[in-house]
Amino acid sequence: MRKITHHDLLALLGGALALACATAASATNFLQVYHQALLHDPAYSQARANYQAAREARPEAWAVLLPQLSASAGETWDHSSGQNGQINSTSTGSLYSSQLPYAENTSGKTWSVSLSENLFSWTDWMNLKAADHQVAEAQANYQAATQGLILTTAQAYFNVLAALDTLHAQQSSLKALTLETARARKEYQIGMIAITDVQQARAARDAAAAEVIVNEQALSAAEDQLQAITGRQYRTLAEPGPDLPLALPNPANRQAWVRAALRRNLSLIATRFAADAARDGVRAAYGSDIPTVSLYASRSYTDNGTNEAVFGQLFHGLGGANNDRQIGIEFTLPIFSGGGDEARIHQSEYQSVAANDAVEVASRSTIQQARTAYLGVITGIADVRALSQALIASKAAYVATEDGYKVGRETEVDVLNALSTLVSAQTNYATSRYGYIDSLIQLQYAAGMLYPTQVRTINSWLTRLVAVAHGAPTPEGMTPPMH
């Protein structure tokens, strides 16, 4: 077996991403994942259905203010027969009883048309205003859900990539530590190092194997989260290349972004419309003490035909016809309703107070989100740049430690520590890039400016393909055997 050099170990550590590259034939980028989320995310579909349902509130409120026209028509048939008892007298004045047979056939035709118009109802007009605000609230919530879908899809997408990078780094570390353990065992056998060095190398290798299992589970959970949004699994995903642009927010002013968020944040706008609707609800409740005026008109016609047979003698035309017309104005003044109207007024007032408080809560939350996201972008840029340099320094330190070990200046522990630092630098650098992208998306979402154009922009940064699907790992498959 040839001697293992530090170049071999660096190749294992630095080759994780290269080994993960796949062909474009099965690739899926962020834009494609977002389009699949639009079609298959049940939460977004629910938000769209809720918006479509809420839009019907306005025509429902208008309906009670428009003329109400109804018509009815019918025809009936009725047959009745039997005997009726009666008392009769003879010519001599004596009384006797007898049964009078009869048979009656009745038929009837009727139709009616009625028209009513609400001339004045304070409650109905206030309900119409409330419905306008409810529809506006639903529209803002739907738009917020549309932008929220971009946010949740991006977070799930980059969580998969972050978990994948961490797993690749740990897998490379495990391979390198396995080789280190094998080398330490050989050097111990020829008397170059103590048994404690072998035990330390093996302990580091076993810890790395356990970490790989944990990272396999984290990757699987991240993939499940993305599948819950898009309804499918992915063999490959696109990740940022080495030339990821790091740009300051425009404008580079935190208060400007806070002001923009207070004007345009869709969740905040929705709470404001909800507060307006609640105030209209209070006004509508006060309508229970205000008179209503309505106009009504009706036309009806009834035709009844009756034939009756008594002692076998048939009588026709006993029915009649009725033609009725009505028109009038109705004035209604509520006087007492058992206290229910007062209770509804108090209830609507409390609901309005709660809605106003919700606006204040949403305002403060929006300010916090905008500030935190802005600082996240600024610090994210600094983190990416600093951790990029730290990664370069960690690679150089590992090479130097490995060379020092060869000439006896460094111990096996020093090599393992340098390797651990290098793995941490790799994972921290990858995580910082995804954190920067997430903060940028969070800032645009807080300001209500997260549009599909941003999806295409972010997608243009993802220039490298990585394999994602590893199959379902078994405990035996996740832990490579000792050599």
Protein backbone atom coordinates (compact mmCIF):
# COMPACT_ATOMS: atom_id res chain seq x y z
CA MET A 1 0.00 0.00 0.00
CA ARG A 2 1.37 3.41 -1.00
CA LYS A 3 2.06 6.02 1.67
CA ILE A 4 -0.78 8.41 2.40
CA THR A 5 0.20 12.07 1.98
CA HIS A 6 -1.48 15.27 3.11
CA HIS A 7 -2.40 15.86 -0.52
CA ASP A 8 -4.52 12.70 -0.40
CA LEU A 9 -6.35 13.95 2.69
CA LEU A 10 -6.94 17.40 1.23
CA ALA A 11 -8.26 15.81 -1.93
CA LEU A 12 -10.78 13.85 0.12
CA LEU A 13 -11.86 16.95 2.06
CA GLY A 14 -12.01 19.32 -0.90
CA GLY A 15 -13.57 16.83 -3.31
CA ALA A 16 -16.95 16.47 -1.62
CA LEU A 17 -18.65 19.00 -3.86
CA ALA A 18 -16.93 17.72 -6.99
CA LEU A 19 -18.09 14.17 -6.26
CA ALA A 20 -21.63 15.48 -5.82
CA CYS A 21 -21.85 17.18 -9.24
CA ALA A 22 -24.41 15.69 -11.60
CA THR A 23 -25.47 16.18 -15.22
CA ALA A 24 -28.01 18.82 -16.22
CA ALA A 25 -30.40 16.19 -17.54
CA SER A 26 -31.80 15.52 -14.04
CA ALA A 27 -31.04 18.91 -12.53
CA THR A 28 -33.62 21.05 -10.75
CA ASN A 29 -32.89 24.67 -10.00
CA PHE A 30 -34.53 27.04 -7.55
CA LEU A 31 -36.84 28.57 -10.16
CA GLN A 32 -38.18 25.15 -11.13
CA VAL A 33 -38.70 24.19 -7.48
CA TYR A 34 -40.62 27.43 -6.91
CA HIS A 35 -42.89 26.74 -9.89
CA GLN A 36 -43.61 23.27 -8.51
CA ALA A 37 -44.41 24.80 -5.11
CA LEU A 38 -46.91 27.16 -6.80
CA LEU A 39 -48.71 24.15 -8.22
CA HIS A 40 -48.48 21.68 -5.35
CA ASP A 41 -48.10 23.47 -2.01
CA PRO A 42 -51.36 22.77 -0.13
CA ALA A 43 -50.93 25.76 2.20
CA TYR A 44 -50.70 28.13 -0.77
CA SER A 45 -53.65 26.45 -2.43
CA GLN A 46 -55.62 26.89 0.79
CA ALA A 47 -54.73 30.61 0.88
CA ARG A 48 -55.93 31.03 -2.70
CA ALA A 49 -59.24 29.27 -1.94
CA ASN A 50 -59.73 31.39 1.18
CA TYR A 51 -59.21 34.55 -0.88
CA GLN A 52 -61.66 33.42 -3.53
CA ALA A 53 -64.23 32.66 -0.83
CA ALA A 54 -63.67 36.01 0.91
CA ARG A 55 -64.24 37.93 -2.33
CA GLU A 56 -67.89 36.86 -2.23
CA ALA A 57 -68.48 38.96 0.91
CA ARG A 58 -68.99 42.12 -1.16
CA PRO A 59 -71.69 40.80 -3.54
CA GLU A 60 -73.39 39.22 -0.53
CA ALA A 61 -73.46 42.60 1.24
CA TRP A 62 -74.68 44.33 -1.93
CA ALA A 63 -77.46 41.79 -2.37
CA VAL A 64 -79.47 43.00 0.61
CA LEU A 65 -79.36 46.57 -0.72
CA LEU A 66 -80.65 45.71 -4.18
CA PRO A 67 -84.32 45.08 -5.05
CA GLN A 68 -85.64 41.69 -3.99
CA LEU A 69 -88.05 40.11 -6.48
CA SER A 70 -89.82 36.80 -5.94
CA ALA A 71 -92.60 34.92 -7.66
CA SER A 72 -94.66 31.87 -6.87
CA ALA A 73 -97.35 29.83 -8.63
CA GLY A 74 -99.32 26.73 -7.81
CA GLU A 75 -102.32 24.58 -8.61
CA THR A 76 -104.29 22.37 -6.19
CA TRP A 77 -106.92 19.68 -6.44
CA ASP A 78 -109.11 18.45 -3.58
CA HIS A 79 -111.87 15.84 -3.36
CA SER A 80 -114.05 15.42 -0.28
CA SER A 81 -117.11 13.09 0.20
CA GLY A 82 -119.15 11.62 3.03
CA GLN A 83 -122.36 12.07 4.97
CA ASN A 84 -123.60 14.80 7.28
CA GLY A 85 -126.21 14.03 9.93
CA GLN A 86 -129.23 16.31 10.26
CA ILE A 87 -132.64 16.50 12.04
CA ASN A 88 -135.83 16.70 9.91
CA SER A 89 -139.55 17.00 10.72
CA THR A 90 -142.55 15.32 9.16
CA SER A 91 -145.74 17.02 8.05
CA THR A 92 -147.27 16.13 11.37
CA GLY A 93 -144.43 17.83 13.23
CA SER A 94 -142.57 14.76 14.44
CA LEU A 95 -138.79 14.81 14.23
CA TYR A 96 -136.41 12.28 12.80
CA SER A 97 -132.71 12.14 11.87
CA SER A 98 -131.20 11.37 8.51
CA GLN A 99 -127.80 11.27 6.78
CA LEU A 100 -127.16 13.69 3.95
CA PRO A 101 -124.63 12.33 1.48
CA TYR A 102 -122.36 14.84 -0.25
CA ALA A 103 -119.37 14.97 -2.60
CA GLU A 104 -117.19 18.05 -3.26
CA ASN A 105 -114.43 18.62 -5.82
CA THR A 106 -112.32 21.72 -5.50
CA SER A 107 -109.52 22.98 -7.72
CA GLY A 108 -107.48 26.15 -7.34
CA LYS A 109 -104.88 28.14 -9.26
CA THR A 110 -102.77 30.87 -7.74
CA TRP A 111 -99.75 33.01 -8.59
CA SER A 112 -98.05 35.96 -6.94
CA VAL A 113 -95.21 38.40 -7.59
CA SER A 114 -93.63 40.51 -4.87
CA LEU A 115 -91.01 43.25 -4.96
CA SER A 116 -89.21 44.86 -2.02
CA GLU A 117 -86.53 47.50 -1.85
CA ASN A 118 -84.55 48.57 1.19
CA LEU A 119 -84.74 52.37 1.07
CA PHE A 120 -82.66 52.94 4.20
CA SER A 121 -80.83 50.59 6.54
CA TRP A 122 -77.82 51.90 8.40
CA THR A 123 -76.70 48.40 9.35
CA ASP A 124 -76.75 47.12 5.78
CA TRP A 125 -74.72 50.05 4.47
CA MET A 126 -72.12 49.65 7.21
CA ASN A 127 -71.95 45.93 6.49
CA LEU A 128 -71.20 46.81 2.86
CA LYS A 129 -68.29 49.02 3.93
CA ALA A 130 -67.06 46.25 6.22
CA ALA A 131 -67.26 43.78 3.34
CA ASP A 132 -65.07 46.05 1.20
CA HIS A 133 -62.42 46.05 3.91
CA GLN A 134 -62.76 42.30 4.41
CA VAL A 135 -62.12 41.68 0.72
CA ALA A 136 -59.12 44.02 0.82
CA GLU A 137 -57.82 42.16 3.88
CA ALA A 138 -58.24 38.82 2.11
CA GLN A 139 -56.40 40.12 -0.94
CA ALA A 140 -53.50 41.37 1.20
CA ASN A 141 -53.35 38.01 3.00
CA TYR A 142 -53.31 36.18 -0.33
CA GLN A 143 -50.51 38.38 -1.64
CA ALA A 144 -48.64 37.81 1.62
CA ALA A 145 -49.09 34.06 1.13
CA THR A 146 -47.72 34.40 -2.41
CA GLN A 147 -44.60 36.13 -1.14
CA GLY A 148 -44.46 33.79 1.83
CA LEU A 149 -44.35 30.85 -0.54
CA ILE A 150 -41.14 32.23 -2.04
CA LEU A 151 -39.71 32.60 1.45
CA THR A 152 -40.65 29.12 2.71
CA THR A 153 -39.57 27.48 -0.55
CA ALA A 154 -36.20 29.26 -0.42
CA GLN A 155 -35.66 28.31 3.21
CA ALA A 156 -36.52 24.66 2.56
CA TYR A 157 -34.40 24.61 -0.62
CA PHE A 158 -31.30 26.08 1.02
CA ASN A 159 -31.80 24.00 4.18
CA VAL A 160 -31.34 20.94 1.97
CA LEU A 161 -28.17 22.38 0.46
CA ALA A 162 -26.81 23.39 3.87
CA ALA A 163 -27.49 19.92 5.27
CA LEU A 164 -25.90 18.40 2.18
CA ASP A 165 -22.74 20.51 2.49
CA THR A 166 -22.44 19.62 6.16
CA LEU A 167 -22.89 15.95 5.37
CA HIS A 168 -20.31 16.03 2.60
CA ALA A 169 -17.79 17.73 4.87
CA GLN A 170 -18.37 15.16 7.62
CA GLN A 171 -18.19 12.27 5.17
CA SER A 172 -14.88 13.59 3.85
CA SER A 173 -13.67 14.05 7.41
CA LEU A 174 -14.67 10.46 8.21
CA LYS A 175 -12.73 9.15 5.23
CA ALA A 176 -9.71 11.24 6.15
CA LEU A 177 -9.86 10.15 9.80
CA THR A 178 -10.18 6.52 8.72
CA LEU A 179 -6.97 6.93 6.73
CA GLU A 180 -5.34 8.71 9.67
CA THR A 181 -6.31 5.84 11.97
CA ALA A 182 -4.86 3.31 9.55
CA ARG A 183 -1.63 5.31 9.30
CA ALA A 184 -1.40 5.68 13.07
CA ARG A 185 -1.82 1.92 13.50
CA LYS A 186 1.04 1.21 11.07
CA GLU A 187 3.32 3.76 12.69
CA TYR A 188 2.57 2.27 16.10
CA GLN A 189 3.44 -1.17 14.81
CA ILE A 190 6.92 0.00 13.79
CA GLY A 191 7.41 1.92 17.03
CA MET A 192 7.14 5.47 15.71
CA ILE A 193 4.22 6.58 17.94
CA ALA A 194 2.59 5.54 21.21
CA ILE A 195 -0.62 3.54 21.51
CA THR A 196 -2.37 6.65 22.88
CA ASP A 197 -2.00 8.31 19.47
CA VAL A 198 -3.73 5.34 17.85
CA GLN A 199 -6.53 5.48 20.39
CA GLN A 200 -7.01 9.22 19.89
CA ALA A 201 -7.15 8.78 16.11
CA ARG A 202 -9.70 5.98 16.46
CA ALA A 203 -11.82 8.02 18.91
CA ALA A 204 -11.86 10.94 16.47
CA ARG A 205 -12.84 8.57 13.66
CA ASP A 206 -15.70 7.04 15.70
CA ALA A 207 -16.98 10.52 16.64
CA ALA A 208 -16.94 11.48 12.95
CA ALA A 209 -18.90 8.32 12.08
CA ALA A 210 -21.56 9.25 14.64
CA GLU A 211 -21.69 12.77 13.23
CA VAL A 212 -22.26 11.40 9.73
CA ILE A 213 -25.31 9.49 11.00
CA VAL A 214 -26.70 12.66 12.59
CA ASN A 215 -26.11 14.62 9.38
CA GLU A 216 -27.75 11.91 7.27
CA GLN A 217 -30.84 12.28 9.43
CA ALA A 218 -30.72 16.10 9.17
CA LEU A 219 -30.51 15.89 5.37
CA SER A 220 -33.44 13.48 5.24
CA ALA A 221 -35.52 15.83 7.40
CA ALA A 222 -34.63 18.79 5.18
CA GLU A 223 -35.61 16.84 2.07
CA ASP A 224 -38.93 15.91 3.68
CA GLN A 225 -39.59 19.57 4.42
CA LEU A 226 -38.99 20.53 0.79
CA GLN A 227 -41.15 17.63 -0.40
CA ALA A 228 -44.01 18.81 1.85
CA ILE A 229 -44.06 22.07 -0.12
CA THR A 230 -43.49 20.81 -3.67
CA GLY A 231 -44.89 17.30 -3.47
CA ARG A 232 -41.81 15.65 -4.92
CA GLN A 233 -38.22 14.61 -4.21
CA TYR A 234 -35.17 15.78 -6.15
CA ARG A 235 -32.14 13.94 -7.39
CA THR A 236 -30.12 17.10 -7.96
CA LEU A 237 -30.31 20.75 -6.97
CA ALA A 238 -28.40 23.84 -8.04
CA GLU A 239 -26.22 25.57 -5.45
CA PRO A 240 -24.25 28.84 -5.44
CA GLY A 241 -20.96 28.84 -7.27
CA PRO A 242 -17.76 30.44 -6.01
CA ASP A 243 -18.74 33.79 -7.55
CA LEU A 244 -21.84 34.38 -5.39
CA PRO A 245 -22.46 38.16 -5.52
CA LEU A 246 -22.36 39.92 -2.15
CA ALA A 247 -24.20 43.21 -2.50
CA LEU A 248 -25.38 45.63 0.16
CA PRO A 249 -29.13 46.30 0.33
CA ASN A 250 -30.30 49.14 -1.84
CA PRO A 251 -30.75 51.59 -0.21
CA ALA A 252 -28.02 50.83 2.31
CA ASN A 253 -30.02 52.41 5.14
CA ARG A 254 -31.77 50.43 7.82
CA GLN A 255 -34.40 53.07 8.61
CA ALA A 256 -35.31 53.35 4.94
CA TRP A 257 -36.10 49.63 4.90
CA VAL A 258 -38.09 49.97 8.13
CA ARG A 259 -40.17 52.77 6.61
CA ALA A 260 -40.71 50.71 3.45
CA ALA A 261 -41.81 47.74 5.55
CA LEU A 262 -44.32 49.84 7.48
CA ARG A 263 -45.81 51.01 4.19
CA ARG A 264 -45.73 47.81 2.17
CA ASN A 265 -45.58 44.78 4.45
CA LEU A 266 -48.58 42.75 3.33
CA SER A 267 -49.33 41.08 6.65
CA LEU A 268 -49.35 44.51 8.31
CA ILE A 269 -51.60 45.90 5.57
CA ALA A 270 -54.00 42.99 6.11
CA THR A 271 -54.27 43.76 9.84
CA ARG A 272 -55.05 47.40 9.02
CA PHE A 273 -57.89 46.37 6.74
CA ALA A 274 -59.11 44.01 9.46
CA ALA A 275 -59.15 46.93 11.91
CA ASP A 276 -61.13 49.03 9.41
CA ALA A 277 -63.64 46.20 9.02
CA ALA A 278 -63.94 45.93 12.81
CA ARG A 279 -64.68 49.66 13.07
CA ASP A 280 -67.38 49.27 10.42
CA GLY A 281 -68.72 46.40 12.49
CA VAL A 282 -69.15 48.77 15.45
CA ARG A 283 -71.03 51.23 13.25
CA ALA A 284 -73.22 48.43 11.92
CA ALA A 285 -74.01 47.29 15.45
CA TYR A 286 -75.26 50.81 16.34
CA GLY A 287 -77.72 50.44 13.46
CA SER A 288 -79.87 48.25 15.70
CA ASP A 289 -81.20 51.48 17.27
CA ILE A 290 -81.82 53.29 13.96
CA PRO A 291 -85.12 52.97 12.06
CA THR A 292 -85.26 51.22 8.70
CA VAL A 293 -87.41 52.16 5.75
CA SER A 294 -88.40 49.78 2.96
CA LEU A 295 -90.68 49.79 -0.07
CA TYR A 296 -92.79 46.78 -0.97
CA ALA A 297 -95.20 45.91 -3.80
CA SER A 298 -97.04 42.70 -4.62
CA ARG A 299 -99.56 41.27 -7.08
CA SER A 300 -101.42 38.00 -6.55
CA TYR A 301 -104.25 36.13 -8.24
CA THR A 302 -106.29 33.19 -6.92
CA ASP A 303 -108.93 31.19 -8.79
CA ASN A 304 -110.91 28.50 -6.93
CA GLY A 305 -113.41 26.23 -8.69
CA THR A 306 -115.82 24.06 -6.63
CA ASN A 307 -118.36 21.41 -7.70
CA GLU A 308 -120.66 19.88 -5.08
CA ALA A 309 -123.16 16.99 -5.27
CA VAL A 310 -125.98 16.73 -2.70
CA PHE A 311 -128.53 13.86 -2.90
CA GLY A 312 -127.16 13.20 -6.35
CA GLN A 313 -127.83 16.73 -7.52
CA LEU A 314 -124.69 18.44 -8.91
CA PHE A 315 -124.01 22.14 -8.36
CA HIS A 316 -121.34 23.93 -10.43
CA GLY A 317 -119.55 27.25 -10.13
CA LEU A 318 -119.49 27.55 -6.38
CA GLY A 319 -115.89 28.87 -6.37
CA GLY A 320 -114.56 32.35 -6.96
CA ALA A 321 -111.53 34.41 -8.08
CA ASN A 322 -109.50 37.00 -6.25
CA ASN A 323 -107.10 39.56 -7.80
CA ASP A 324 -104.98 41.42 -5.21
CA ARG A 325 -102.53 44.35 -5.58
CA GLN A 326 -100.50 45.93 -2.78
CA ILE A 327 -97.92 48.73 -2.57
CA GLY A 328 -96.60 50.50 0.48
CA ILE A 329 -93.72 51.86 2.51
CA GLU A 330 -92.78 50.23 5.79
CA PHE A 331 -91.13 52.07 8.67
CA THR A 332 -89.58 49.90 11.39
CA LEU A 333 -88.32 51.27 14.70
CA PRO A 334 -86.58 48.85 17.11
CA ILE A 335 -87.72 49.47 20.68
CA PHE A 336 -86.53 46.59 22.87
CA SER A 337 -84.76 43.34 22.02
CA GLY A 338 -84.09 41.92 25.45
CA GLY A 339 -80.62 43.48 25.67
CA GLY A 340 -79.25 41.56 22.72
CA ASP A 341 -78.54 44.68 20.64
CA GLU A 342 -76.56 46.29 23.47
CA ALA A 343 -74.56 43.09 23.91
CA ARG A 344 -73.73 43.01 20.20
CA ILE A 345 -72.59 46.63 20.32
CA HIS A 346 -70.27 45.91 23.25
CA GLN A 347 -68.97 42.80 21.54
CA SER A 348 -68.15 44.67 18.34
CA GLU A 349 -66.41 47.44 20.31
CA TYR A 350 -64.16 44.93 22.04
CA GLN A 351 -63.43 43.27 18.70
CA SER A 352 -62.44 46.65 17.29
CA VAL A 353 -60.07 47.24 20.22
CA ALA A 354 -58.52 43.81 19.66
CA ALA A 355 -58.12 44.52 15.92
CA ASN A 356 -56.35 47.82 16.65
CA ASP A 357 -54.05 46.06 19.09
CA ALA A 358 -53.31 43.49 16.38
CA VAL A 359 -52.20 46.34 14.10
CA GLU A 360 -49.80 47.55 16.77
CA VAL A 361 -48.44 44.03 17.31
CA ALA A 362 -47.96 43.57 13.58
CA SER A 363 -46.27 46.99 13.28
CA ARG A 364 -43.73 46.21 15.97
CA SER A 365 -43.11 42.76 14.54
CA THR A 366 -42.60 44.24 11.08
CA ILE A 367 -40.09 46.77 12.40
CA GLN A 368 -38.20 43.99 14.17
CA GLN A 369 -38.22 41.78 11.07
CA ALA A 370 -36.93 44.56 8.84
CA ARG A 371 -34.16 45.54 11.25
CA THR A 372 -33.09 41.97 11.92
CA ALA A 373 -33.09 41.05 8.23
CA TYR A 374 -31.14 44.17 7.28
CA LEU A 375 -28.49 43.46 9.89
CA GLY A 376 -28.51 39.83 8.74
CA VAL A 377 -27.60 40.90 5.21
CA ILE A 378 -24.84 43.23 6.43
CA THR A 379 -23.34 40.70 8.83
CA GLY A 380 -23.90 37.93 6.30
CA ILE A 381 -21.65 39.66 3.80
CA ALA A 382 -18.97 40.08 6.47
CA ASP A 383 -19.36 36.44 7.57
CA VAL A 384 -19.02 35.06 4.06
CA ARG A 385 -15.88 37.09 3.40
CA ALA A 386 -14.34 36.32 6.79
CA LEU A 387 -15.15 32.61 6.68
CA SER A 388 -13.80 32.38 3.12
CA GLN A 389 -10.47 33.61 4.43
CA ALA A 390 -10.76 31.33 7.45
CA LEU A 391 -11.26 28.37 5.13
CA ILE A 392 -8.11 29.29 3.20
CA ALA A 393 -6.20 29.69 6.46
CA SER A 394 -7.53 26.37 7.82
CA LYS A 395 -6.39 24.54 4.69
CA ALA A 396 -2.94 26.12 4.99
CA ALA A 397 -2.79 25.31 8.72
CA TYR A 398 -3.72 21.70 8.08
CA VAL A 399 -0.98 21.35 5.45
CA ALA A 400 1.55 22.95 7.78
CA THR A 401 0.53 20.69 10.67
CA GLU A 402 0.77 17.61 8.48
CA ASP A 403 4.26 18.63 7.33
CA GLY A 404 5.28 19.35 10.92
CA TYR A 405 4.06 15.90 11.96
CA LYS A 406 6.34 14.32 9.38
CA VAL A 407 9.43 15.95 10.81
CA GLY A 408 8.40 15.43 14.44
CA ARG A 409 7.37 18.99 15.35
CA GLU A 410 3.66 18.15 15.62
CA THR A 411 1.80 15.24 17.20
CA GLU A 412 -1.05 13.10 15.92
CA VAL A 413 -3.39 15.13 18.15
CA ASP A 414 -2.29 18.33 16.43
CA VAL A 415 -3.10 16.81 13.05
CA LEU A 416 -6.55 15.71 14.22
CA ASN A 417 -7.27 19.15 15.68
CA ALA A 418 -6.23 20.83 12.46
CA LEU A 419 -8.45 18.47 10.50
CA SER A 420 -11.40 19.23 12.78
CA THR A 421 -10.81 22.96 12.34
CA LEU A 422 -10.74 22.53 8.58
CA VAL A 423 -14.04 20.63 8.56
CA SER A 424 -15.67 23.30 10.73
CA ALA A 425 -14.36 26.01 8.40
CA GLN A 426 -15.86 24.23 5.40
CA THR A 427 -19.30 23.84 6.97
CA ASN A 428 -19.31 27.36 8.44
CA TYR A 429 -18.42 28.88 5.08
CA ALA A 430 -21.19 26.98 3.28
CA THR A 431 -23.73 27.85 5.99
CA SER A 432 -22.78 31.55 5.90
CA ARG A 433 -23.56 31.80 2.19
CA TYR A 434 -27.03 30.32 2.68
CA GLY A 435 -27.55 32.58 5.69
CA TYR A 436 -26.75 35.63 3.56
CA ILE A 437 -29.28 34.60 0.89
CA ASP A 438 -31.91 33.86 3.55
CA SER A 439 -31.43 37.28 5.20
CA LEU A 440 -31.73 38.98 1.82
CA ILE A 441 -35.02 37.19 1.12
CA GLN A 442 -36.25 37.92 4.65
CA LEU A 443 -35.54 41.64 4.13
CA GLN A 444 -37.46 41.76 0.86
CA TYR A 445 -40.34 39.83 2.42
CA ALA A 446 -40.51 42.18 5.42
CA ALA A 447 -40.64 45.14 3.01
CA GLY A 448 -43.36 43.52 0.89
CA MET A 449 -41.10 43.41 -2.17
CA LEU A 450 -40.45 39.69 -2.60
CA TYR A 451 -41.55 39.09 -6.19
CA PRO A 452 -40.92 36.29 -8.70
CA THR A 453 -38.23 38.51 -10.25
CA GLN A 454 -36.17 37.93 -7.09
CA VAL A 455 -36.61 34.19 -7.62
CA ARG A 456 -35.05 34.49 -11.07
CA THR A 457 -32.26 36.68 -9.71
CA ILE A 458 -31.38 34.20 -6.96
CA ASN A 459 -31.64 31.35 -9.43
CA SER A 460 -28.99 33.02 -11.60
CA TRP A 461 -26.56 32.76 -8.68
CA LEU A 462 -26.94 28.98 -8.53
CA THR A 463 -24.47 27.74 -11.12
CA ARG A 464 -23.30 24.40 -9.77
CA LEU A 465 -25.24 21.13 -9.60
CA VAL A 466 -25.05 18.71 -6.70
CA ALA A 467 -26.58 15.28 -6.22
CA VAL A 468 -29.11 15.13 -3.39
CA ALA A 469 -30.85 11.74 -3.42
CA HIS A 470 -28.83 9.13 -1.56
CA GLY A 471 -31.50 6.53 -1.03
CA ALA A 472 -32.70 5.45 2.37
CA PRO A 473 -29.51 4.79 4.40
CA THR A 474 -29.43 1.86 6.77
CA PRO A 475 -27.45 1.94 10.03
CA GLU A 476 -24.96 -0.51 8.49
CA GLY A 477 -24.62 1.56 5.33
CA MET A 478 -24.17 4.85 7.15
CA THR A 479 -21.11 3.68 9.07
CA PRO A 480 -18.16 2.57 6.91
CA PRO A 481 -16.25 -0.40 8.26
CA MET A 482 -12.88 0.00 9.94
CA HIS A 483 -9.80 -0.81 7.84
